[in-house]
Amino acid sequence: MIEDDEKISAFVTRGLKQAGFGVDHAADGENGLQLGLSQRYDAAIIDLMLPKLDGLSVIRELRKQQSNIPIIVLSAKREVEERVQCLEAGSDDYMVKPFAFSELLARLQALRRRADSTAAEASRLSVGGLTLDFVKRNVERDGLAIEFFMRNAGRVVSKTLILEHVWDYHFDPQTNVVDVLVCRLRAKIDKDFAQPLLHTIRGVGYVLKSA
């Protein structure tokens, strides 16, 4: 979420987390663009009137970098021209402030559904024979807290990112919770299989990949 209004960002972030989403927040366009280009997100909520870099420029740059992240624009501007400009720049939806959170949530969920090519793909993630089914809530190889790794398949993720996105927990260099998690995951998803999926990149983090 890229929003400079503290009250709105706090309200929306809290509501999204209660709805089961992980949320990263940036208070200006430059930091928001960096987040959008450095990580893989399911969706973005972007205000237009932002410090350092306006929302329209953020959207254009994201699309220029071939990011296909679904984007909802939040704006106090009601003019049709503004909406058309945002849609032409690459946004997928446009909401006028003030807005109802329930409508924002519904639109966000609709965008996520449309972003997946089929309903079946939307309900499943597969990496190298390891399949996570959101509807049945099971994993073929069996596992624990695997979704974050699967959404970042092939990408090295650090302990800090795992703590923040799986547990919404600020990094403590003394904690070994991630090491314990990875050990348990390996025992469940790699044991008795010739080809391991979860690999350690020393000094950096971990990566889930099939080769």
C-alpha atoms as a PDB file:
ATOM      1  CA  MET A   1       0.000   0.000   0.000  1.00  0.00           C
ATOM      2  CA  ILE A   2       1.370   3.417  -1.027  1.00  0.00           C
ATOM      3  CA  GLU A   3      -0.464   6.102   0.963  1.00  0.00           C
ATOM      4  CA  ASP A   4       0.844   9.177   2.788  1.00  0.00           C
ATOM      5  CA  ASP A   5      -2.242   9.758   4.942  1.00  0.00           C
ATOM      6  CA  GLU A   6      -1.401   8.070   8.264  1.00  0.00           C
ATOM      7  CA  LYS A   7      -5.012   7.548   9.353  1.00  0.00           C
ATOM      8  CA  ILE A   8      -6.090   5.993   6.058  1.00  0.00           C
ATOM      9  CA  SER A   9      -3.014   3.774   5.776  1.00  0.00           C
ATOM     10  CA  ALA A  10      -3.340   2.570   9.390  1.00  0.00           C
ATOM     11  CA  PHE A  11      -7.057   1.869   8.972  1.00  0.00           C
ATOM     12  CA  VAL A  12      -6.696  -0.014   5.678  1.00  0.00           C
ATOM     13  CA  THR A  13      -3.591  -1.920   6.803  1.00  0.00           C
ATOM     14  CA  ARG A  14      -5.322  -3.087   9.967  1.00  0.00           C
ATOM     15  CA  GLY A  15      -8.414  -4.161   8.038  1.00  0.00           C
ATOM     16  CA  LEU A  16      -6.432  -6.061   5.415  1.00  0.00           C
ATOM     17  CA  LYS A  17      -4.399  -7.893   8.043  1.00  0.00           C
ATOM     18  CA  GLN A  18      -7.593  -8.889   9.816  1.00  0.00           C
ATOM     19  CA  ALA A  19      -8.821 -10.227   6.454  1.00  0.00           C
ATOM     20  CA  GLY A  20      -5.714 -12.410   6.200  1.00  0.00           C
ATOM     21  CA  PHE A  21      -3.462 -10.292   3.981  1.00  0.00           C
ATOM     22  CA  GLY A  22       0.180  -9.478   4.571  1.00  0.00           C
ATOM     23  CA  VAL A  23       0.709  -5.743   4.042  1.00  0.00           C
ATOM     24  CA  ASP A  24       3.753  -3.597   3.315  1.00  0.00           C
ATOM     25  CA  HIS A  25       3.263   0.178   3.522  1.00  0.00           C
ATOM     26  CA  ALA A  26       5.156   3.075   1.940  1.00  0.00           C
ATOM     27  CA  ALA A  27       4.372   6.719   2.741  1.00  0.00           C
ATOM     28  CA  ASP A  28       5.811   8.198  -0.472  1.00  0.00           C
ATOM     29  CA  GLY A  29       6.005   7.317  -4.143  1.00  0.00           C
ATOM     30  CA  GLU A  30       9.738   6.653  -4.322  1.00  0.00           C
ATOM     31  CA  ASN A  31       9.756   4.095  -1.518  1.00  0.00           C
ATOM     32  CA  GLY A  32       6.552   2.589  -2.839  1.00  0.00           C
ATOM     33  CA  LEU A  33       8.025   2.114  -6.295  1.00  0.00           C
ATOM     34  CA  GLN A  34      11.126   0.477  -4.808  1.00  0.00           C
ATOM     35  CA  LEU A  35       8.920  -1.970  -2.905  1.00  0.00           C
ATOM     36  CA  GLY A  36       6.843  -2.717  -5.977  1.00  0.00           C
ATOM     37  CA  LEU A  37       9.901  -3.474  -8.083  1.00  0.00           C
ATOM     38  CA  SER A  38      11.866  -5.408  -5.476  1.00  0.00           C
ATOM     39  CA  GLN A  39       9.227  -7.901  -4.334  1.00  0.00           C
ATOM     40  CA  ARG A  40       6.361  -9.927  -5.764  1.00  0.00           C
ATOM     41  CA  TYR A  41       2.945  -8.770  -4.542  1.00  0.00           C
ATOM     42  CA  ASP A  42      -0.589  -9.995  -5.160  1.00  0.00           C
ATOM     43  CA  ALA A  43      -1.910  -6.430  -5.518  1.00  0.00           C
ATOM     44  CA  ALA A  44      -1.101  -2.752  -4.925  1.00  0.00           C
ATOM     45  CA  ILE A  45      -3.227   0.052  -3.485  1.00  0.00           C
ATOM     46  CA  ILE A  46      -1.844   3.415  -4.602  1.00  0.00           C
ATOM     47  CA  ASP A  47      -2.822   6.976  -3.711  1.00  0.00           C
ATOM     48  CA  LEU A  48      -2.376   9.602  -6.433  1.00  0.00           C
ATOM     49  CA  MET A  49      -1.238  12.592  -4.382  1.00  0.00           C
ATOM     50  CA  LEU A  50       2.057  11.325  -2.954  1.00  0.00           C
ATOM     51  CA  PRO A  51       5.271  13.064  -1.847  1.00  0.00           C
ATOM     52  CA  LYS A  52       8.518  12.575  -3.834  1.00  0.00           C
ATOM     53  CA  LEU A  53       6.796  10.745  -6.703  1.00  0.00           C
ATOM     54  CA  ASP A  54       3.102  10.965  -7.582  1.00  0.00           C
ATOM     55  CA  GLY A  55       0.958   7.870  -7.853  1.00  0.00           C
ATOM     56  CA  LEU A  56       0.426   8.152 -11.610  1.00  0.00           C
ATOM     57  CA  SER A  57       4.191   8.129 -12.169  1.00  0.00           C
ATOM     58  CA  VAL A  58       4.523   5.087  -9.888  1.00  0.00           C
ATOM     59  CA  ILE A  59       1.932   3.206 -11.932  1.00  0.00           C
ATOM     60  CA  ARG A  60       3.578   4.120 -15.225  1.00  0.00           C
ATOM     61  CA  GLU A  61       7.000   3.035 -13.995  1.00  0.00           C
ATOM     62  CA  LEU A  62       5.650  -0.269 -12.668  1.00  0.00           C
ATOM     63  CA  ARG A  63       4.083  -1.007 -16.052  1.00  0.00           C
ATOM     64  CA  LYS A  64       7.230   0.165 -17.836  1.00  0.00           C
ATOM     65  CA  GLN A  65       9.153  -2.450 -15.871  1.00  0.00           C
ATOM     66  CA  GLN A  66       6.588  -5.024 -17.064  1.00  0.00           C
ATOM     67  CA  SER A  67       5.066  -5.503 -13.628  1.00  0.00           C
ATOM     68  CA  ASN A  68       1.609  -7.085 -13.973  1.00  0.00           C
ATOM     69  CA  ILE A  69       0.588  -6.475 -10.364  1.00  0.00           C
ATOM     70  CA  PRO A  70      -3.132  -5.621 -10.064  1.00  0.00           C
ATOM     71  CA  ILE A  71      -3.459  -1.952  -9.019  1.00  0.00           C
ATOM     72  CA  ILE A  72      -6.279  -0.113  -7.245  1.00  0.00           C
ATOM     73  CA  VAL A  73      -6.026   3.686  -7.189  1.00  0.00           C
ATOM     74  CA  LEU A  74      -7.302   5.672  -4.210  1.00  0.00           C
ATOM     75  CA  SER A  75      -7.959   9.347  -4.865  1.00  0.00           C
ATOM     76  CA  ALA A  76      -9.972  12.306  -3.630  1.00  0.00           C
ATOM     77  CA  LYS A  77     -10.362  13.393  -7.250  1.00  0.00           C
ATOM     78  CA  ARG A  78     -13.742  12.572  -8.748  1.00  0.00           C
ATOM     79  CA  GLU A  79     -13.261  13.819 -12.311  1.00  0.00           C
ATOM     80  CA  VAL A  80     -13.795  11.300 -15.099  1.00  0.00           C
ATOM     81  CA  GLU A  81     -10.607  12.532 -16.777  1.00  0.00           C
ATOM     82  CA  GLU A  82      -8.580  11.487 -13.741  1.00  0.00           C
ATOM     83  CA  ARG A  83     -10.038   7.995 -13.801  1.00  0.00           C
ATOM     84  CA  VAL A  84      -9.420   7.633 -17.528  1.00  0.00           C
ATOM     85  CA  GLN A  85      -5.835   8.826 -17.104  1.00  0.00           C
ATOM     86  CA  CYS A  86      -5.171   6.282 -14.382  1.00  0.00           C
ATOM     87  CA  LEU A  87      -6.693   3.430 -16.375  1.00  0.00           C
ATOM     88  CA  GLU A  88      -4.689   4.395 -19.440  1.00  0.00           C
ATOM     89  CA  ALA A  89      -1.515   4.495 -17.311  1.00  0.00           C
ATOM     90  CA  GLY A  90      -2.130   0.897 -16.257  1.00  0.00           C
ATOM     91  CA  SER A  91      -4.301   0.849 -13.139  1.00  0.00           C
ATOM     92  CA  ASP A  92      -7.014  -1.805 -12.892  1.00  0.00           C
ATOM     93  CA  ASP A  93      -9.515  -0.018 -10.652  1.00  0.00           C
ATOM     94  CA  TYR A  94     -10.213   3.414  -9.172  1.00  0.00           C
ATOM     95  CA  MET A  95     -11.881   4.325  -5.862  1.00  0.00           C
ATOM     96  CA  VAL A  96     -12.812   7.800  -4.686  1.00  0.00           C
ATOM     97  CA  LYS A  97     -12.131   8.892  -1.101  1.00  0.00           C
ATOM     98  CA  PRO A  98     -13.891   8.582   1.262  1.00  0.00           C
ATOM     99  CA  PHE A  99     -14.601   4.906   0.644  1.00  0.00           C
ATOM    100  CA  ALA A 100     -16.031   1.905   2.468  1.00  0.00           C
ATOM    101  CA  PHE A 101     -13.406  -0.640   3.475  1.00  0.00           C
ATOM    102  CA  SER A 102     -15.772  -3.504   2.640  1.00  0.00           C
ATOM    103  CA  GLU A 103     -15.951  -2.275  -0.965  1.00  0.00           C
ATOM    104  CA  LEU A 104     -12.169  -1.887  -1.168  1.00  0.00           C
ATOM    105  CA  LEU A 105     -11.733  -5.443   0.116  1.00  0.00           C
ATOM    106  CA  ALA A 106     -14.283  -6.794  -2.370  1.00  0.00           C
ATOM    107  CA  ARG A 107     -12.599  -5.023  -5.280  1.00  0.00           C
ATOM    108  CA  LEU A 108      -9.177  -6.224  -4.146  1.00  0.00           C
ATOM    109  CA  GLN A 109     -10.356  -9.817  -4.004  1.00  0.00           C
ATOM    110  CA  ALA A 110     -11.991  -9.465  -7.432  1.00  0.00           C
ATOM    111  CA  LEU A 111      -8.736  -8.165  -8.914  1.00  0.00           C
ATOM    112  CA  ARG A 112      -6.801 -11.065  -7.426  1.00  0.00           C
ATOM    113  CA  ARG A 113      -9.256 -13.545  -8.954  1.00  0.00           C
ATOM    114  CA  ARG A 114      -9.001 -11.909 -12.371  1.00  0.00           C
ATOM    115  CA  ALA A 115      -5.203 -11.823 -12.161  1.00  0.00           C
ATOM    116  CA  ASP A 116      -5.141 -15.629 -12.235  1.00  0.00           C
ATOM    117  CA  SER A 117      -5.879 -17.194 -15.592  1.00  0.00           C
ATOM    118  CA  THR A 118      -8.304 -19.757 -14.136  1.00  0.00           C
ATOM    119  CA  ALA A 119     -10.080 -20.372 -10.831  1.00  0.00           C
ATOM    120  CA  ALA A 120      -8.149 -23.602 -10.456  1.00  0.00           C
ATOM    121  CA  GLU A 121      -4.818 -21.814 -10.750  1.00  0.00           C
ATOM    122  CA  ALA A 122      -6.019 -19.215  -8.260  1.00  0.00           C
ATOM    123  CA  SER A 123      -6.642 -21.893  -5.666  1.00  0.00           C
ATOM    124  CA  ARG A 124      -3.384 -23.812  -6.145  1.00  0.00           C
ATOM    125  CA  LEU A 125       0.361 -23.194  -6.170  1.00  0.00           C
ATOM    126  CA  SER A 126       2.776 -25.753  -7.626  1.00  0.00           C
ATOM    127  CA  VAL A 127       6.572 -25.885  -7.506  1.00  0.00           C
ATOM    128  CA  GLY A 128       8.536 -28.941  -8.637  1.00  0.00           C
ATOM    129  CA  GLY A 129       5.792 -31.424  -7.721  1.00  0.00           C
ATOM    130  CA  LEU A 130       4.995 -29.711  -4.420  1.00  0.00           C
ATOM    131  CA  THR A 131       1.382 -28.509  -4.512  1.00  0.00           C
ATOM    132  CA  LEU A 132      -0.432 -26.249  -2.074  1.00  0.00           C
ATOM    133  CA  ASP A 133      -4.240 -26.312  -2.306  1.00  0.00           C
ATOM    134  CA  PHE A 134      -5.868 -23.283  -0.639  1.00  0.00           C
ATOM    135  CA  VAL A 135      -9.369 -24.739  -0.817  1.00  0.00           C
ATOM    136  CA  LYS A 136      -8.541 -28.161   0.659  1.00  0.00           C
ATOM    137  CA  ARG A 137      -5.853 -26.587   2.870  1.00  0.00           C
ATOM    138  CA  ASN A 138      -3.324 -29.329   2.225  1.00  0.00           C
ATOM    139  CA  VAL A 139       0.072 -29.879   0.605  1.00  0.00           C
ATOM    140  CA  GLU A 140       0.884 -32.975  -1.427  1.00  0.00           C
ATOM    141  CA  ARG A 141       4.275 -33.436   0.185  1.00  0.00           C
ATOM    142  CA  ASP A 142       2.870 -32.186   3.478  1.00  0.00           C
ATOM    143  CA  GLY A 143       4.352 -29.066   5.080  1.00  0.00           C
ATOM    144  CA  LEU A 144       4.177 -26.066   7.370  1.00  0.00           C
ATOM    145  CA  ALA A 145       3.950 -22.356   6.436  1.00  0.00           C
ATOM    146  CA  ILE A 146       5.066 -23.118   2.886  1.00  0.00           C
ATOM    147  CA  GLU A 147       2.986 -20.539   1.016  1.00  0.00           C
ATOM    148  CA  PHE A 148       5.544 -17.718   1.313  1.00  0.00           C
ATOM    149  CA  PHE A 149       8.291 -19.891  -0.170  1.00  0.00           C
ATOM    150  CA  MET A 150       6.041 -21.036  -3.022  1.00  0.00           C
ATOM    151  CA  ARG A 151       4.982 -17.505  -3.903  1.00  0.00           C
ATOM    152  CA  ASN A 152       8.678 -16.654  -4.138  1.00  0.00           C
ATOM    153  CA  ALA A 153       9.786 -19.832  -5.911  1.00  0.00           C
ATOM    154  CA  GLY A 154      13.218 -19.426  -7.479  1.00  0.00           C
ATOM    155  CA  ARG A 155      13.894 -16.248  -5.504  1.00  0.00           C
ATOM    156  CA  VAL A 156      16.212 -16.153  -2.502  1.00  0.00           C
ATOM    157  CA  VAL A 157      14.369 -14.928   0.604  1.00  0.00           C
ATOM    158  CA  SER A 158      16.143 -13.741   3.732  1.00  0.00           C
ATOM    159  CA  LYS A 159      15.314 -14.636   7.325  1.00  0.00           C
ATOM    160  CA  THR A 160      14.055 -11.081   7.813  1.00  0.00           C
ATOM    161  CA  LEU A 161      11.514 -11.397   4.984  1.00  0.00           C
ATOM    162  CA  ILE A 162      10.340 -14.785   6.248  1.00  0.00           C
ATOM    163  CA  LEU A 163       9.790 -13.402   9.753  1.00  0.00           C
ATOM    164  CA  GLU A 164       7.950 -10.322   8.480  1.00  0.00           C
ATOM    165  CA  HIS A 165       5.720 -12.056   5.934  1.00  0.00           C
ATOM    166  CA  VAL A 166       4.961 -15.344   7.705  1.00  0.00           C
ATOM    167  CA  TRP A 167       4.676 -14.047  11.277  1.00  0.00           C
ATOM    168  CA  ASP A 168       4.509 -10.245  10.782  1.00  0.00           C
ATOM    169  CA  TYR A 169       7.465 -10.211  13.177  1.00  0.00           C
ATOM    170  CA  HIS A 170      10.280  -7.650  13.313  1.00  0.00           C
ATOM    171  CA  PHE A 171      13.728  -9.176  12.922  1.00  0.00           C
ATOM    172  CA  ASP A 172      15.583 -10.226  16.059  1.00  0.00           C
ATOM    173  CA  PRO A 173      19.136 -11.392  15.238  1.00  0.00           C
ATOM    174  CA  GLN A 174      19.050 -13.693  18.278  1.00  0.00           C
ATOM    175  CA  THR A 175      15.968 -15.670  17.274  1.00  0.00           C
ATOM    176  CA  ASN A 176      16.319 -19.075  15.632  1.00  0.00           C
ATOM    177  CA  VAL A 177      12.646 -19.464  14.746  1.00  0.00           C
ATOM    178  CA  VAL A 178      13.389 -19.419  10.995  1.00  0.00           C
ATOM    179  CA  ASP A 179      16.107 -22.072  11.340  1.00  0.00           C
ATOM    180  CA  VAL A 180      13.656 -24.277  13.247  1.00  0.00           C
ATOM    181  CA  LEU A 181      10.977 -23.696  10.592  1.00  0.00           C
ATOM    182  CA  VAL A 182      13.318 -24.582   7.731  1.00  0.00           C
ATOM    183  CA  CYS A 183      14.492 -27.706   9.546  1.00  0.00           C
ATOM    184  CA  ARG A 184      10.886 -28.842  10.044  1.00  0.00           C
ATOM    185  CA  LEU A 185      10.014 -28.033   6.434  1.00  0.00           C
ATOM    186  CA  ARG A 186      12.933 -30.060   5.117  1.00  0.00           C
ATOM    187  CA  ALA A 187      11.904 -33.010   7.268  1.00  0.00           C
ATOM    188  CA  LYS A 188       8.426 -32.863   5.761  1.00  0.00           C
ATOM    189  CA  ILE A 189       8.854 -31.855   2.100  1.00  0.00           C
ATOM    190  CA  ASP A 190      12.332 -33.201   1.227  1.00  0.00           C
ATOM    191  CA  LYS A 191      12.673 -36.340   3.330  1.00  0.00           C
ATOM    192  CA  ASP A 192      12.538 -39.535   1.258  1.00  0.00           C
ATOM    193  CA  PHE A 193      12.786 -37.547  -2.000  1.00  0.00           C
ATOM    194  CA  ALA A 194      15.891 -37.717  -4.215  1.00  0.00           C
ATOM    195  CA  GLN A 195      15.477 -34.124  -5.421  1.00  0.00           C
ATOM    196  CA  PRO A 196      15.440 -31.547  -2.595  1.00  0.00           C
ATOM    197  CA  LEU A 197      13.335 -28.403  -3.084  1.00  0.00           C
ATOM    198  CA  LEU A 198      14.427 -26.177  -0.203  1.00  0.00           C
ATOM    199  CA  HIS A 199      18.007 -24.913  -0.508  1.00  0.00           C
ATOM    200  CA  THR A 200      20.187 -22.761   1.768  1.00  0.00           C
ATOM    201  CA  ILE A 201      22.114 -19.844   0.268  1.00  0.00           C
ATOM    202  CA  ARG A 202      24.782 -19.254   2.887  1.00  0.00           C
ATOM    203  CA  GLY A 203      24.860 -15.755   4.305  1.00  0.00           C
ATOM    204  CA  VAL A 204      21.757 -14.748   2.321  1.00  0.00           C
ATOM    205  CA  GLY A 205      18.730 -16.930   3.036  1.00  0.00           C
ATOM    206  CA  TYR A 206      16.762 -19.747   1.443  1.00  0.00           C
ATOM    207  CA  VAL A 207      15.270 -20.557  -1.944  1.00  0.00           C
ATOM    208  CA  LEU A 208      12.578 -23.017  -3.040  1.00  0.00           C
ATOM    209  CA  LYS A 209      13.348 -24.419  -6.474  1.00  0.00           C
ATOM    210  CA  SER A 210      13.041 -27.701  -8.321  1.00  0.00           C
ATOM    211  CA  ALA A 211      16.568 -27.807  -9.730  1.00  0.00           C
END
